[in-house]
Amino acid sequence: MKKETVTQNRRGTSMTTKQDDNTPKSLELSEGQLEVHFRRLNLAHTRRIYKEVAVRAERESWSYRDFLALLLAEEVARRKQTRLQRCTRSAHFPFFKTIDEFDFTLQSTLRESVIGSYLGLDFVTEGRSLILHGKIGRGKTHLAVAIGYRAIQNGFETLFTTAAELIEDLSNASKRGNLQESLATYTHPHVLVIDEVGYLTYGPDAANVLFHVVNDRHLRKRPMIFTTNKPLNEWGKVLHDEDMAAAILDRVLERGRFIHLDGPSGRTRHLNLEEVLPGGRDRARISGIDLPEFPEPTKADNIPLHQPVPKPVDWASPKNSLIFCSITMSPSLRSSTHASY
């Protein structure tokens, strides 16, 4: 049976609504029914905390709006945290570092403001790239990990790999005939970090497979971060193809930047190995061997080093003076002199 009720709206006119007798006067649900609704809506965190929040809301006389707002805020915060943990694991970082842990005071030219432009959303949305160059231990990988992690915090996906791993993986895929399928691993993430370019020796098709990744990401405006200890003019030797290496760098640096890191090694800084070693004889004594009086021995022309250099002739001796006279005299005198002796 249905009942009709007459109400007035804001304009003052009457308004008839129908109410079904089967409509429950109370929306009280059992815990089992609430569990079903939470699971159907994937509200896992809300399902765990709603009882505690409800008790607090009743005790502090919250409004329904405040109660709902807190539940939603807690659910969103937990999902954000869960996503951050999941994406960080799937990024395969070798270690966890943040930008706050990097010591910019050790750098003579690099400033934090330069790296700051790669910590915002524009780094990903505009498809910028970055090449971090320097000797070992200067913090190249630290910065690459920190920038990649910040991208995850900003809502993007990051993948970390070494150049050797990427090249070997794609080279094997090319031999199996499924290169295109394997490329998706490196072209799909929003940010790709390729570490240690030039550290190891690569196969002959290194430039070819790396170009596929760089070209695809360049066309789709997806950023890349490279770390390397080799100057850019040596990438051709590293990748076994000068022209292909030039094409790779051309695409990376079109919307990218080259940053050089100097300063002492962060791993061996406590050993003070960067101090200038003493020169001359003091430096030789470090190994317990004194330098010779003459740094480079005098060598006679066309005489092998293993043969002794002939001693100078002493023409003042009687024997040698006789030889000298026989050489300098005329033939007639030479024969007569020889006969008299």
C-alpha atoms as a PDB file:
ATOM      1  CA  MET A   1       0.000   0.000   0.000  1.00  0.00           C
ATOM      2  CA  LYS A   2       1.262   3.409  -0.883  1.00  0.00           C
ATOM      3  CA  LYS A   3       0.666   6.611   1.042  1.00  0.00           C
ATOM      4  CA  GLU A   4       0.532  10.100  -0.402  1.00  0.00           C
ATOM      5  CA  THR A   5       1.896  13.085   1.491  1.00  0.00           C
ATOM      6  CA  VAL A   6       1.412  16.724   0.609  1.00  0.00           C
ATOM      7  CA  THR A   7       4.329  19.125   1.106  1.00  0.00           C
ATOM      8  CA  GLN A   8       5.145  22.597  -0.041  1.00  0.00           C
ATOM      9  CA  ASN A   9       8.201  23.471  -2.044  1.00  0.00           C
ATOM     10  CA  ARG A  10      10.211  26.725  -1.891  1.00  0.00           C
ATOM     11  CA  ARG A  11       7.813  28.459  -4.286  1.00  0.00           C
ATOM     12  CA  GLY A  12       4.894  27.816  -1.936  1.00  0.00           C
ATOM     13  CA  THR A  13       3.078  25.422  -4.255  1.00  0.00           C
ATOM     14  CA  SER A  14       1.836  22.080  -2.994  1.00  0.00           C
ATOM     15  CA  MET A  15       3.714  18.960  -3.945  1.00  0.00           C
ATOM     16  CA  THR A  16       2.621  15.326  -3.624  1.00  0.00           C
ATOM     17  CA  THR A  17       5.112  12.505  -2.976  1.00  0.00           C
ATOM     18  CA  LYS A  18       4.460   8.805  -2.738  1.00  0.00           C
ATOM     19  CA  GLN A  19       5.977   6.589  -0.089  1.00  0.00           C
ATOM     20  CA  ASP A  20       6.063   2.835  -0.318  1.00  0.00           C
ATOM     21  CA  ASP A  21       5.171   0.854   2.805  1.00  0.00           C
ATOM     22  CA  ASN A  22       8.030  -1.511   1.932  1.00  0.00           C
ATOM     23  CA  THR A  23      10.583   1.294   2.286  1.00  0.00           C
ATOM     24  CA  PRO A  24      12.507   0.641   5.508  1.00  0.00           C
ATOM     25  CA  LYS A  25      12.186   3.327   8.100  1.00  0.00           C
ATOM     26  CA  SER A  26      15.725   2.599   9.239  1.00  0.00           C
ATOM     27  CA  LEU A  27      18.776   1.927   7.065  1.00  0.00           C
ATOM     28  CA  GLU A  28      20.505  -0.072   9.760  1.00  0.00           C
ATOM     29  CA  LEU A  29      22.544  -2.841   8.176  1.00  0.00           C
ATOM     30  CA  SER A  30      24.185  -5.782   9.775  1.00  0.00           C
ATOM     31  CA  GLU A  31      27.974  -5.983   9.833  1.00  0.00           C
ATOM     32  CA  GLY A  32      27.807  -8.736   7.263  1.00  0.00           C
ATOM     33  CA  GLN A  33      25.847  -6.527   4.864  1.00  0.00           C
ATOM     34  CA  LEU A  34      28.262  -3.636   5.358  1.00  0.00           C
ATOM     35  CA  GLU A  35      31.182  -5.953   4.602  1.00  0.00           C
ATOM     36  CA  VAL A  36      29.558  -6.904   1.315  1.00  0.00           C
ATOM     37  CA  HIS A  37      29.110  -3.263   0.316  1.00  0.00           C
ATOM     38  CA  PHE A  38      32.677  -2.337   1.275  1.00  0.00           C
ATOM     39  CA  ARG A  39      34.115  -5.190  -0.749  1.00  0.00           C
ATOM     40  CA  ARG A  40      31.945  -4.434  -3.760  1.00  0.00           C
ATOM     41  CA  LEU A  41      33.176  -0.832  -3.751  1.00  0.00           C
ATOM     42  CA  ASN A  42      36.779  -1.892  -3.009  1.00  0.00           C
ATOM     43  CA  LEU A  43      36.831   0.203   0.169  1.00  0.00           C
ATOM     44  CA  ALA A  44      39.291  -2.017   1.979  1.00  0.00           C
ATOM     45  CA  HIS A  45      40.673   0.630   4.312  1.00  0.00           C
ATOM     46  CA  THR A  46      37.245   2.047   5.125  1.00  0.00           C
ATOM     47  CA  ARG A  47      36.087  -1.442   6.023  1.00  0.00           C
ATOM     48  CA  ARG A  48      38.891  -1.686   8.583  1.00  0.00           C
ATOM     49  CA  ILE A  49      38.405   1.700  10.277  1.00  0.00           C
ATOM     50  CA  TYR A  50      34.710   2.596  10.018  1.00  0.00           C
ATOM     51  CA  LYS A  51      33.767   1.153  13.429  1.00  0.00           C
ATOM     52  CA  GLU A  52      36.436   3.126  15.259  1.00  0.00           C
ATOM     53  CA  VAL A  53      35.537   6.290  13.366  1.00  0.00           C
ATOM     54  CA  ALA A  54      31.815   5.796  14.075  1.00  0.00           C
ATOM     55  CA  VAL A  55      32.458   5.499  17.811  1.00  0.00           C
ATOM     56  CA  ARG A  56      34.515   8.677  17.754  1.00  0.00           C
ATOM     57  CA  ALA A  57      31.887  10.489  15.704  1.00  0.00           C
ATOM     58  CA  GLU A  58      29.127   9.601  18.195  1.00  0.00           C
ATOM     59  CA  ARG A  59      31.270  10.576  21.157  1.00  0.00           C
ATOM     60  CA  GLU A  60      32.208  13.962  19.655  1.00  0.00           C
ATOM     61  CA  SER A  61      28.801  14.571  18.051  1.00  0.00           C
ATOM     62  CA  TRP A  62      30.059  14.826  14.497  1.00  0.00           C
ATOM     63  CA  SER A  63      27.718  15.680  11.681  1.00  0.00           C
ATOM     64  CA  TYR A  64      27.069  13.087   8.986  1.00  0.00           C
ATOM     65  CA  ARG A  65      29.066  15.215   6.586  1.00  0.00           C
ATOM     66  CA  ASP A  66      32.144  15.255   8.839  1.00  0.00           C
ATOM     67  CA  PHE A  67      31.882  11.515   9.385  1.00  0.00           C
ATOM     68  CA  LEU A  68      31.729  10.829   5.657  1.00  0.00           C
ATOM     69  CA  ALA A  69      34.511  13.324   4.878  1.00  0.00           C
ATOM     70  CA  LEU A  70      36.921  11.639   7.285  1.00  0.00           C
ATOM     71  CA  LEU A  71      36.209   8.172   5.899  1.00  0.00           C
ATOM     72  CA  LEU A  72      36.789   9.353   2.342  1.00  0.00           C
ATOM     73  CA  ALA A  73      39.992  11.223   3.249  1.00  0.00           C
ATOM     74  CA  GLU A  74      41.382   8.163   5.017  1.00  0.00           C
ATOM     75  CA  GLU A  75      40.551   5.920   2.058  1.00  0.00           C
ATOM     76  CA  VAL A  76      42.183   8.270  -0.456  1.00  0.00           C
ATOM     77  CA  ALA A  77      45.324   8.647   1.682  1.00  0.00           C
ATOM     78  CA  ARG A  78      45.708   4.890   2.065  1.00  0.00           C
ATOM     79  CA  ARG A  79      45.255   4.293  -1.653  1.00  0.00           C
ATOM     80  CA  LYS A  80      47.871   6.908  -2.428  1.00  0.00           C
ATOM     81  CA  GLN A  81      50.316   5.290  -0.022  1.00  0.00           C
ATOM     82  CA  THR A  82      49.622   1.826  -1.412  1.00  0.00           C
ATOM     83  CA  ARG A  83      50.144   3.024  -4.964  1.00  0.00           C
ATOM     84  CA  LEU A  84      53.410   4.731  -4.017  1.00  0.00           C
ATOM     85  CA  GLN A  85      54.735   1.525  -2.471  1.00  0.00           C
ATOM     86  CA  ARG A  86      53.633  -0.596  -5.417  1.00  0.00           C
ATOM     87  CA  CYS A  87      55.140   1.719  -8.044  1.00  0.00           C
ATOM     88  CA  THR A  88      58.389   2.034  -6.091  1.00  0.00           C
ATOM     89  CA  ARG A  89      58.762  -1.742  -6.010  1.00  0.00           C
ATOM     90  CA  SER A  90      57.970  -2.106  -9.707  1.00  0.00           C
ATOM     91  CA  ALA A  91      60.510   0.625 -10.577  1.00  0.00           C
ATOM     92  CA  HIS A  92      63.342  -1.759  -9.570  1.00  0.00           C
ATOM     93  CA  PHE A  93      65.508   0.935  -8.009  1.00  0.00           C
ATOM     94  CA  PRO A  94      68.891  -0.455  -6.867  1.00  0.00           C
ATOM     95  CA  PHE A  95      68.493   1.572  -3.660  1.00  0.00           C
ATOM     96  CA  PHE A  96      66.178   4.221  -2.279  1.00  0.00           C
ATOM     97  CA  LYS A  97      67.394   7.826  -2.312  1.00  0.00           C
ATOM     98  CA  THR A  98      65.625  11.163  -2.255  1.00  0.00           C
ATOM     99  CA  ILE A  99      66.704  14.569  -3.493  1.00  0.00           C
ATOM    100  CA  ASP A 100      66.965  15.809   0.105  1.00  0.00           C
ATOM    101  CA  GLU A 101      69.773  13.316   0.759  1.00  0.00           C
ATOM    102  CA  PHE A 102      71.995  14.600  -2.058  1.00  0.00           C
ATOM    103  CA  ASP A 103      74.848  16.825  -0.902  1.00  0.00           C
ATOM    104  CA  PHE A 104      75.005  19.704  -3.379  1.00  0.00           C
ATOM    105  CA  THR A 105      77.842  21.342  -1.432  1.00  0.00           C
ATOM    106  CA  LEU A 106      80.270  18.835  -2.949  1.00  0.00           C
ATOM    107  CA  GLN A 107      79.464  20.097  -6.461  1.00  0.00           C
ATOM    108  CA  SER A 108      81.347  23.095  -7.804  1.00  0.00           C
ATOM    109  CA  THR A 109      78.945  23.913 -10.662  1.00  0.00           C
ATOM    110  CA  LEU A 110      75.705  21.982 -10.117  1.00  0.00           C
ATOM    111  CA  ARG A 111      73.045  23.800  -8.104  1.00  0.00           C
ATOM    112  CA  GLU A 112      69.881  22.424  -6.581  1.00  0.00           C
ATOM    113  CA  SER A 113      67.790  24.854  -8.619  1.00  0.00           C
ATOM    114  CA  VAL A 114      68.952  23.154 -11.821  1.00  0.00           C
ATOM    115  CA  ILE A 115      67.718  19.759 -10.643  1.00  0.00           C
ATOM    116  CA  GLY A 116      64.582  21.368  -9.259  1.00  0.00           C
ATOM    117  CA  SER A 117      63.194  21.822 -12.766  1.00  0.00           C
ATOM    118  CA  TYR A 118      63.171  18.022 -13.108  1.00  0.00           C
ATOM    119  CA  LEU A 119      61.166  17.422  -9.935  1.00  0.00           C
ATOM    120  CA  GLY A 120      57.859  18.868 -11.128  1.00  0.00           C
ATOM    121  CA  LEU A 121      55.093  17.690 -13.400  1.00  0.00           C
ATOM    122  CA  ASP A 122      56.573  19.480 -16.429  1.00  0.00           C
ATOM    123  CA  PHE A 123      59.482  17.073 -16.498  1.00  0.00           C
ATOM    124  CA  VAL A 124      57.102  14.287 -17.530  1.00  0.00           C
ATOM    125  CA  THR A 125      54.381  16.170 -19.372  1.00  0.00           C
ATOM    126  CA  GLU A 126      56.868  18.003 -21.605  1.00  0.00           C
ATOM    127  CA  GLY A 127      59.008  14.916 -22.230  1.00  0.00           C
ATOM    128  CA  ARG A 128      62.299  16.343 -21.010  1.00  0.00           C
ATOM    129  CA  SER A 129      65.379  14.136 -20.761  1.00  0.00           C
ATOM    130  CA  LEU A 130      68.618  14.254 -18.833  1.00  0.00           C
ATOM    131  CA  ILE A 131      72.186  12.939 -19.157  1.00  0.00           C
ATOM    132  CA  LEU A 132      74.161  12.850 -15.906  1.00  0.00           C
ATOM    133  CA  HIS A 133      77.897  12.579 -16.575  1.00  0.00           C
ATOM    134  CA  GLY A 134      80.797  12.186 -14.182  1.00  0.00           C
ATOM    135  CA  LYS A 135      83.364   9.883 -12.674  1.00  0.00           C
ATOM    136  CA  ILE A 136      82.348   7.009 -10.448  1.00  0.00           C
ATOM    137  CA  GLY A 137      80.910   7.856  -7.056  1.00  0.00           C
ATOM    138  CA  ARG A 138      79.818  11.402  -7.934  1.00  0.00           C
ATOM    139  CA  GLY A 139      76.127  10.759  -7.268  1.00  0.00           C
ATOM    140  CA  LYS A 140      74.798  10.223 -10.789  1.00  0.00           C
ATOM    141  CA  THR A 141      72.672   7.213  -9.867  1.00  0.00           C
ATOM    142  CA  HIS A 142      71.560   8.905  -6.646  1.00  0.00           C
ATOM    143  CA  LEU A 143      70.124  11.829  -8.610  1.00  0.00           C
ATOM    144  CA  ALA A 144      68.549   9.541 -11.215  1.00  0.00           C
ATOM    145  CA  VAL A 145      66.784   7.503  -8.517  1.00  0.00           C
ATOM    146  CA  ALA A 146      65.652  10.636  -6.690  1.00  0.00           C
ATOM    147  CA  ILE A 147      64.164  12.182  -9.846  1.00  0.00           C
ATOM    148  CA  GLY A 148      62.480   8.901 -10.768  1.00  0.00           C
ATOM    149  CA  TYR A 149      60.987   8.564  -7.293  1.00  0.00           C
ATOM    150  CA  ARG A 150      59.689  12.126  -7.374  1.00  0.00           C
ATOM    151  CA  ALA A 151      57.921  11.287 -10.648  1.00  0.00           C
ATOM    152  CA  ILE A 152      56.209   8.398  -8.856  1.00  0.00           C
ATOM    153  CA  GLN A 153      55.134  10.776  -6.101  1.00  0.00           C
ATOM    154  CA  ASN A 154      53.681  13.029  -8.791  1.00  0.00           C
ATOM    155  CA  GLY A 155      51.503  10.193 -10.078  1.00  0.00           C
ATOM    156  CA  PHE A 156      53.646   8.708 -12.851  1.00  0.00           C
ATOM    157  CA  GLU A 157      55.366   5.370 -13.392  1.00  0.00           C
ATOM    158  CA  THR A 158      59.144   4.946 -13.451  1.00  0.00           C
ATOM    159  CA  LEU A 159      61.369   2.070 -14.560  1.00  0.00           C
ATOM    160  CA  PHE A 160      65.050   1.786 -13.626  1.00  0.00           C
ATOM    161  CA  THR A 161      67.441  -0.413 -15.598  1.00  0.00           C
ATOM    162  CA  THR A 162      71.097  -0.531 -16.531  1.00  0.00           C
ATOM    163  CA  ALA A 163      72.271  -0.105 -20.101  1.00  0.00           C
ATOM    164  CA  ALA A 164      73.759  -3.609 -20.043  1.00  0.00           C
ATOM    165  CA  GLU A 165      70.470  -5.180 -18.907  1.00  0.00           C
ATOM    166  CA  LEU A 166      68.400  -3.300 -21.471  1.00  0.00           C
ATOM    167  CA  ILE A 167      70.735  -4.079 -24.371  1.00  0.00           C
ATOM    168  CA  GLU A 168      71.065  -7.755 -23.466  1.00  0.00           C
ATOM    169  CA  ASP A 169      67.310  -8.153 -23.004  1.00  0.00           C
ATOM    170  CA  LEU A 170      66.411  -6.536 -26.312  1.00  0.00           C
ATOM    171  CA  SER A 171      69.244  -8.253 -28.187  1.00  0.00           C
ATOM    172  CA  ASN A 172      67.969 -11.639 -27.068  1.00  0.00           C
ATOM    173  CA  ALA A 173      64.413 -10.627 -27.948  1.00  0.00           C
ATOM    174  CA  SER A 174      65.560  -9.601 -31.415  1.00  0.00           C
ATOM    175  CA  LYS A 175      67.170 -12.992 -31.946  1.00  0.00           C
ATOM    176  CA  ARG A 176      63.928 -14.684 -30.884  1.00  0.00           C
ATOM    177  CA  GLY A 177      61.918 -12.498 -33.244  1.00  0.00           C
ATOM    178  CA  ASN A 178      59.816 -10.719 -30.596  1.00  0.00           C
ATOM    179  CA  LEU A 179      61.626  -7.395 -30.309  1.00  0.00           C
ATOM    180  CA  GLN A 180      58.441  -5.336 -30.595  1.00  0.00           C
ATOM    181  CA  GLU A 181      56.817  -7.118 -27.670  1.00  0.00           C
ATOM    182  CA  SER A 182      59.873  -6.642 -25.470  1.00  0.00           C
ATOM    183  CA  LEU A 183      60.174  -2.965 -26.384  1.00  0.00           C
ATOM    184  CA  ALA A 184      56.939  -2.256 -24.510  1.00  0.00           C
ATOM    185  CA  THR A 185      58.723  -2.918 -21.219  1.00  0.00           C
ATOM    186  CA  TYR A 186      60.934   0.117 -21.815  1.00  0.00           C
ATOM    187  CA  THR A 187      58.599   2.364 -23.801  1.00  0.00           C
ATOM    188  CA  HIS A 188      55.471   2.102 -21.622  1.00  0.00           C
ATOM    189  CA  PRO A 189      56.636   3.698 -18.307  1.00  0.00           C
ATOM    190  CA  HIS A 190      56.344   7.463 -18.108  1.00  0.00           C
ATOM    191  CA  VAL A 191      59.990   7.811 -16.980  1.00  0.00           C
ATOM    192  CA  LEU A 192      62.851   5.509 -17.980  1.00  0.00           C
ATOM    193  CA  VAL A 193      66.198   5.572 -16.160  1.00  0.00           C
ATOM    194  CA  ILE A 194      69.130   3.944 -18.022  1.00  0.00           C
ATOM    195  CA  ASP A 195      72.113   3.633 -15.708  1.00  0.00           C
ATOM    196  CA  GLU A 196      75.823   3.040 -16.367  1.00  0.00           C
ATOM    197  CA  VAL A 197      76.132   3.755 -20.086  1.00  0.00           C
ATOM    198  CA  GLY A 198      79.703   2.860 -21.020  1.00  0.00           C
ATOM    199  CA  TYR A 199      80.647   0.915 -17.908  1.00  0.00           C
ATOM    200  CA  LEU A 200      80.538  -2.521 -19.546  1.00  0.00           C
ATOM    201  CA  THR A 201      81.134  -3.943 -23.009  1.00  0.00           C
ATOM    202  CA  TYR A 202      78.043  -4.426 -25.174  1.00  0.00           C
ATOM    203  CA  GLY A 203      77.235  -6.605 -28.139  1.00  0.00           C
ATOM    204  CA  PRO A 204      77.518  -5.433 -31.749  1.00  0.00           C
ATOM    205  CA  ASP A 205      73.806  -4.532 -31.975  1.00  0.00           C
ATOM    206  CA  ALA A 206      73.850  -2.282 -28.886  1.00  0.00           C
ATOM    207  CA  ALA A 207      73.238   0.931 -30.802  1.00  0.00           C
ATOM    208  CA  ASN A 208      70.460  -0.634 -32.845  1.00  0.00           C
ATOM    209  CA  VAL A 209      68.325  -1.854 -29.937  1.00  0.00           C
ATOM    210  CA  LEU A 210      68.946   1.261 -27.851  1.00  0.00           C
ATOM    211  CA  PHE A 211      67.882   3.458 -30.762  1.00  0.00           C
ATOM    212  CA  HIS A 212      64.520   1.679 -30.915  1.00  0.00           C
ATOM    213  CA  VAL A 213      63.832   2.602 -27.288  1.00  0.00           C
ATOM    214  CA  VAL A 214      65.056   6.195 -27.568  1.00  0.00           C
ATOM    215  CA  ASN A 215      63.266   6.911 -30.833  1.00  0.00           C
ATOM    216  CA  ASP A 216      59.927   5.529 -29.610  1.00  0.00           C
ATOM    217  CA  ARG A 217      60.070   7.490 -26.373  1.00  0.00           C
ATOM    218  CA  HIS A 218      61.192  10.632 -28.168  1.00  0.00           C
ATOM    219  CA  LEU A 219      58.213  10.500 -30.535  1.00  0.00           C
ATOM    220  CA  ARG A 220      55.819   9.989 -27.620  1.00  0.00           C
ATOM    221  CA  LYS A 221      57.509  12.701 -25.512  1.00  0.00           C
ATOM    222  CA  ARG A 222      58.395  10.378 -22.683  1.00  0.00           C
ATOM    223  CA  PRO A 223      61.431  11.452 -20.620  1.00  0.00           C
ATOM    224  CA  MET A 224      64.647   9.477 -20.207  1.00  0.00           C
ATOM    225  CA  ILE A 225      67.484   9.783 -17.689  1.00  0.00           C
ATOM    226  CA  PHE A 226      70.942   8.468 -18.571  1.00  0.00           C
ATOM    227  CA  THR A 227      73.972   8.151 -16.298  1.00  0.00           C
ATOM    228  CA  THR A 228      77.405   7.699 -17.841  1.00  0.00           C
ATOM    229  CA  ASN A 229      81.099   8.049 -17.146  1.00  0.00           C
ATOM    230  CA  LYS A 230      81.939   8.493 -20.834  1.00  0.00           C
ATOM    231  CA  PRO A 231      82.020  11.812 -22.729  1.00  0.00           C
ATOM    232  CA  LEU A 232      79.373  12.131 -25.401  1.00  0.00           C
ATOM    233  CA  ASN A 233      81.952  11.920 -28.187  1.00  0.00           C
ATOM    234  CA  GLU A 234      82.850   8.410 -27.007  1.00  0.00           C
ATOM    235  CA  TRP A 235      79.341   6.963 -27.132  1.00  0.00           C
ATOM    236  CA  GLY A 236      79.970   5.851 -30.699  1.00  0.00           C
ATOM    237  CA  LYS A 237      82.819   3.619 -29.566  1.00  0.00           C
ATOM    238  CA  VAL A 238      80.794   2.341 -26.633  1.00  0.00           C
ATOM    239  CA  LEU A 239      77.809   1.441 -28.821  1.00  0.00           C
ATOM    240  CA  HIS A 240      79.910   0.287 -31.829  1.00  0.00           C
ATOM    241  CA  ASP A 241      78.226   2.729 -34.213  1.00  0.00           C
ATOM    242  CA  GLU A 242      79.155   6.402 -34.482  1.00  0.00           C
ATOM    243  CA  ASP A 243      76.180   7.399 -36.648  1.00  0.00           C
ATOM    244  CA  MET A 244      73.609   5.597 -34.534  1.00  0.00           C
ATOM    245  CA  ALA A 245      75.070   7.039 -31.330  1.00  0.00           C
ATOM    246  CA  ALA A 246      74.800  10.527 -32.808  1.00  0.00           C
ATOM    247  CA  ALA A 247      71.155   9.884 -33.684  1.00  0.00           C
ATOM    248  CA  ILE A 248      70.455   8.696 -30.134  1.00  0.00           C
ATOM    249  CA  LEU A 249      72.050  11.751 -28.538  1.00  0.00           C
ATOM    250  CA  ASP A 250      70.316  14.065 -30.989  1.00  0.00           C
ATOM    251  CA  ARG A 251      66.911  12.812 -29.850  1.00  0.00           C
ATOM    252  CA  VAL A 252      67.759  12.739 -26.152  1.00  0.00           C
ATOM    253  CA  LEU A 253      69.156  16.265 -26.081  1.00  0.00           C
ATOM    254  CA  GLU A 254      66.500  17.903 -28.274  1.00  0.00           C
ATOM    255  CA  ARG A 255      64.360  18.378 -25.160  1.00  0.00           C
ATOM    256  CA  GLY A 256      67.059  17.326 -22.719  1.00  0.00           C
ATOM    257  CA  ARG A 257      70.055  18.585 -20.831  1.00  0.00           C
ATOM    258  CA  PHE A 258      73.629  17.436 -20.185  1.00  0.00           C
ATOM    259  CA  ILE A 259      74.818  17.872 -16.583  1.00  0.00           C
ATOM    260  CA  HIS A 260      78.363  17.191 -15.416  1.00  0.00           C
ATOM    261  CA  LEU A 261      78.971  16.139 -11.803  1.00  0.00           C
ATOM    262  CA  ASP A 262      82.348  16.707 -10.189  1.00  0.00           C
ATOM    263  CA  GLY A 263      83.650  16.812  -6.647  1.00  0.00           C
ATOM    264  CA  PRO A 264      84.999  13.906  -4.599  1.00  0.00           C
ATOM    265  CA  SER A 265      83.652  10.374  -4.706  1.00  0.00           C
ATOM    266  CA  GLY A 266      80.853   9.899  -2.224  1.00  0.00           C
ATOM    267  CA  ARG A 267      81.939   6.319  -1.523  1.00  0.00           C
ATOM    268  CA  THR A 268      85.599   7.011  -0.704  1.00  0.00           C
ATOM    269  CA  ARG A 269      85.391  10.592   0.492  1.00  0.00           C
ATOM    270  CA  HIS A 270      86.314   9.532   4.041  1.00  0.00           C
ATOM    271  CA  LEU A 271      89.664   8.199   2.748  1.00  0.00           C
ATOM    272  CA  ASN A 272      90.743  11.565   1.305  1.00  0.00           C
ATOM    273  CA  LEU A 273      91.873   9.903  -1.915  1.00  0.00           C
ATOM    274  CA  GLU A 274      91.212  13.085  -3.865  1.00  0.00           C
ATOM    275  CA  GLU A 275      94.129  14.906  -2.219  1.00  0.00           C
ATOM    276  CA  VAL A 276      97.073  15.667  -4.501  1.00  0.00           C
ATOM    277  CA  LEU A 277      99.807  13.083  -4.134  1.00  0.00           C
ATOM    278  CA  PRO A 278     103.361  14.380  -3.473  1.00  0.00           C
ATOM    279  CA  GLY A 279     105.529  14.602  -6.557  1.00  0.00           C
ATOM    280  CA  GLY A 280     109.114  13.691  -7.384  1.00  0.00           C
ATOM    281  CA  ARG A 281     111.136  11.428  -5.095  1.00  0.00           C
ATOM    282  CA  ASP A 282     108.664  11.671  -2.214  1.00  0.00           C
ATOM    283  CA  ARG A 283     105.960  10.080  -4.349  1.00  0.00           C
ATOM    284  CA  ALA A 284     108.273   7.225  -5.365  1.00  0.00           C
ATOM    285  CA  ARG A 285     109.005   6.367  -1.746  1.00  0.00           C
ATOM    286  CA  ILE A 286     105.344   5.569  -1.149  1.00  0.00           C
ATOM    287  CA  SER A 287     105.997   2.189  -2.766  1.00  0.00           C
ATOM    288  CA  GLY A 288     109.404   1.845  -1.117  1.00  0.00           C
ATOM    289  CA  ILE A 289     111.342   2.403  -4.341  1.00  0.00           C
ATOM    290  CA  ASP A 290     113.546   5.449  -4.835  1.00  0.00           C
ATOM    291  CA  LEU A 291     113.613   7.238  -8.149  1.00  0.00           C
ATOM    292  CA  PRO A 292     116.890   7.021 -10.110  1.00  0.00           C
ATOM    293  CA  GLU A 293     119.104  10.073 -10.214  1.00  0.00           C
ATOM    294  CA  PHE A 294     118.268  10.547 -13.887  1.00  0.00           C
ATOM    295  CA  PRO A 295     114.577   9.900 -14.642  1.00  0.00           C
ATOM    296  CA  GLU A 296     115.319   8.716 -18.194  1.00  0.00           C
ATOM    297  CA  PRO A 297     118.554   6.774 -18.924  1.00  0.00           C
ATOM    298  CA  THR A 298     120.759   7.991 -21.776  1.00  0.00           C
ATOM    299  CA  LYS A 299     120.670   5.589 -24.690  1.00  0.00           C
ATOM    300  CA  ALA A 300     123.089   5.250 -27.627  1.00  0.00           C
ATOM    301  CA  ASP A 301     121.524   5.316 -31.040  1.00  0.00           C
ATOM    302  CA  ASN A 302     120.638   1.935 -32.538  1.00  0.00           C
ATOM    303  CA  ILE A 303     121.829   0.027 -29.446  1.00  0.00           C
ATOM    304  CA  PRO A 304     119.294  -2.259 -27.776  1.00  0.00           C
ATOM    305  CA  LEU A 305     118.544  -1.492 -24.158  1.00  0.00           C
ATOM    306  CA  HIS A 306     119.768  -4.894 -22.986  1.00  0.00           C
ATOM    307  CA  GLN A 307     123.318  -4.233 -24.313  1.00  0.00           C
ATOM    308  CA  PRO A 308     125.733  -2.039 -22.316  1.00  0.00           C
ATOM    309  CA  VAL A 309     126.713   1.313 -23.797  1.00  0.00           C
ATOM    310  CA  PRO A 310     130.442   1.276 -24.935  1.00  0.00           C
ATOM    311  CA  LYS A 311     132.827   3.241 -22.746  1.00  0.00           C
ATOM    312  CA  PRO A 312     134.579   6.269 -24.288  1.00  0.00           C
ATOM    313  CA  VAL A 313     138.107   5.583 -25.683  1.00  0.00           C
ATOM    314  CA  ASP A 314     141.062   6.923 -23.673  1.00  0.00           C
ATOM    315  CA  TRP A 315     143.398   8.233 -26.389  1.00  0.00           C
ATOM    316  CA  ALA A 316     146.050   9.231 -23.823  1.00  0.00           C
ATOM    317  CA  SER A 317     147.090   5.637 -23.169  1.00  0.00           C
ATOM    318  CA  PRO A 318     150.250   4.395 -25.108  1.00  0.00           C
ATOM    319  CA  LYS A 319     148.345   1.630 -26.823  1.00  0.00           C
ATOM    320  CA  ASN A 320     145.538   3.820 -28.063  1.00  0.00           C
ATOM    321  CA  SER A 321     147.906   6.634 -29.070  1.00  0.00           C
ATOM    322  CA  LEU A 322     149.712   4.200 -31.397  1.00  0.00           C
ATOM    323  CA  ILE A 323     146.413   3.313 -33.044  1.00  0.00           C
ATOM    324  CA  PHE A 324     145.549   6.972 -33.347  1.00  0.00           C
ATOM    325  CA  CYS A 325     148.873   7.717 -35.081  1.00  0.00           C
ATOM    326  CA  SER A 326     148.474   4.860 -37.539  1.00  0.00           C
ATOM    327  CA  ILE A 327     145.053   6.169 -38.520  1.00  0.00           C
ATOM    328  CA  THR A 328     146.104   9.780 -39.028  1.00  0.00           C
ATOM    329  CA  MET A 329     149.437   9.265 -40.842  1.00  0.00           C
ATOM    330  CA  SER A 330     149.805   9.050 -44.626  1.00  0.00           C
ATOM    331  CA  PRO A 331     150.008   5.560 -46.191  1.00  0.00           C
ATOM    332  CA  SER A 332     153.767   5.745 -46.824  1.00  0.00           C
ATOM    333  CA  LEU A 333     154.547   6.916 -43.315  1.00  0.00           C
ATOM    334  CA  ARG A 334     152.026   4.441 -41.898  1.00  0.00           C
ATOM    335  CA  SER A 335     153.882   1.484 -43.511  1.00  0.00           C
ATOM    336  CA  SER A 336     157.297   2.676 -42.414  1.00  0.00           C
ATOM    337  CA  THR A 337     156.206   3.363 -38.937  1.00  0.00           C
ATOM    338  CA  HIS A 338     154.628  -0.084 -38.726  1.00  0.00           C
ATOM    339  CA  ALA A 339     157.935  -1.649 -39.962  1.00  0.00           C
ATOM    340  CA  SER A 340     160.001   0.151 -37.351  1.00  0.00           C
ATOM    341  CA  TYR A 341     157.789  -1.185 -34.611  1.00  0.00           C
END
